[in-house]
Structures are given as C-alpha cells and as structure tokens.
Amino acid sequence: MTNQQGSNAAVLPVNSYRYYRTIHGEIKRIYFKACLSTFGITKSRLERIQKNLTPTGMASQDRGGKHQNRPKAFECH
C-alpha cells in the first residue's frame, strides 16, 4: 500500500494575516473588508503589500521609476 498523503493533503495558505485597529485606546481585531475600508485600498493592493512583506517581514524598497526599457533616454541633473 502506498502513502498518498501529498495528493490528499489539504492545501493550506503559506501565510495568514489578522487585522487589528485601535479603537478608543483599545486594540481590536477587525474583519478583512473593514481593513480595506479603513485604509481605502483594494484587495489587490493589500495582496501586493502582503506579497512584498512575506519573504523578509519588512517592506521592500520602492522601485518606482526604475525602468530600463529606454536605453537612449538622456539623464537630467
């Protein structure tokens, strides 16, 4: 008899997140949609933030404007 644990095992998320907010000086756990509403962001934006936090636990550097697709563009100083 072979062990098929790998194929039958449930797929669990690698990371899970809980969302908290300070309300009247008390830290309370809030729902996912309340977190989105509080910060005024979309689900995809929050997922990108979580993806960037996942490997190291710290936010990655801002890479805005770092395109290398215009090799003949001049530099302004």
Protein backbone atom coordinates (compact mmCIF):
# COMPACT_ATOMS: atom_id res chain seq x y z
CA MET A 1 0.00 0.00 0.00
CA THR A 2 1.41 3.41 -0.95
CA ASN A 3 1.22 6.61 1.03
CA GLN A 4 -0.72 9.26 -0.91
CA GLN A 5 -0.63 11.91 1.77
CA GLY A 6 0.79 14.50 -0.64
CA SER A 7 -2.09 14.22 -3.10
CA ASN A 8 -4.82 14.07 -0.44
CA ALA A 9 -3.45 16.70 1.93
CA ALA A 10 -5.37 19.96 2.13
CA VAL A 11 -3.65 22.95 0.61
CA LEU A 12 -3.10 25.48 3.39
CA PRO A 13 -2.10 29.08 2.84
CA VAL A 14 1.58 29.77 3.41
CA ASN A 15 0.80 32.91 5.38
CA SER A 16 -2.31 34.10 7.11
CA TYR A 17 -2.98 37.59 8.33
CA ARG A 18 -5.04 39.15 11.07
CA TYR A 19 -6.06 42.77 11.02
CA TYR A 20 -6.18 45.00 14.08
CA ARG A 21 -7.18 48.58 14.75
CA THR A 22 -7.00 50.77 17.82
CA ILE A 23 -10.50 51.90 18.77
CA HIS A 24 -10.86 54.22 21.79
CA GLY A 25 -7.39 53.24 23.02
CA GLU A 26 -8.15 49.52 22.80
CA ILE A 27 -6.68 47.19 20.17
CA LYS A 28 -9.47 45.28 18.43
CA ARG A 29 -9.37 42.66 15.72
CA ILE A 30 -11.26 43.74 12.61
CA TYR A 31 -12.54 41.97 9.51
CA PHE A 32 -10.70 41.94 6.20
CA LYS A 33 -13.21 44.22 4.48
CA ALA A 34 -13.07 46.65 7.39
CA CYS A 35 -9.30 46.82 6.91
CA LEU A 36 -9.75 47.61 3.21
CA SER A 37 -12.32 50.27 4.02
CA THR A 38 -10.21 51.83 6.77
CA PHE A 39 -7.19 52.33 4.52
CA GLY A 40 -9.20 52.99 1.36
CA ILE A 41 -7.35 50.37 -0.69
CA THR A 42 -8.38 47.50 -2.93
CA LYS A 43 -7.96 43.80 -2.28
CA SER A 44 -5.27 43.53 -4.96
CA ARG A 45 -3.26 46.38 -3.39
CA LEU A 46 -3.37 44.66 0.01
CA GLU A 47 -2.31 41.37 -1.61
CA ARG A 48 0.69 43.11 -3.23
CA ILE A 49 1.68 44.58 0.12
CA GLN A 50 1.41 41.16 1.78
CA LYS A 51 3.41 39.54 -1.03
CA ASN A 52 6.22 42.05 -0.55
CA LEU A 53 6.23 41.52 3.23
CA THR A 54 6.20 37.75 3.04
CA PRO A 55 9.87 36.85 2.32
CA THR A 56 11.56 39.08 4.89
CA GLY A 57 8.85 40.51 7.11
CA MET A 58 9.90 44.01 6.04
CA ALA A 59 8.67 46.15 3.17
CA SER A 60 10.76 46.12 0.02
CA GLN A 61 12.29 49.27 -1.45
CA ASP A 62 10.20 51.46 -3.70
CA ARG A 63 11.16 50.62 -7.27
CA GLY A 64 9.04 53.30 -8.94
CA GLY A 65 10.68 54.91 -11.96
CA LYS A 66 13.40 52.26 -12.26
CA HIS A 67 12.61 51.28 -15.84
CA GLN A 68 15.49 50.08 -18.01
CA ASN A 69 13.42 49.95 -21.19
CA ARG A 70 14.72 53.25 -22.69
CA PRO A 71 18.46 52.82 -23.18
CA LYS A 72 18.90 56.03 -25.24
CA ALA A 73 16.99 58.34 -22.89
CA PHE A 74 19.07 61.24 -21.54
CA GLU A 75 19.56 61.95 -17.86
CA CYS A 76 18.52 65.22 -16.27
CA HIS A 77 20.73 66.55 -13.48
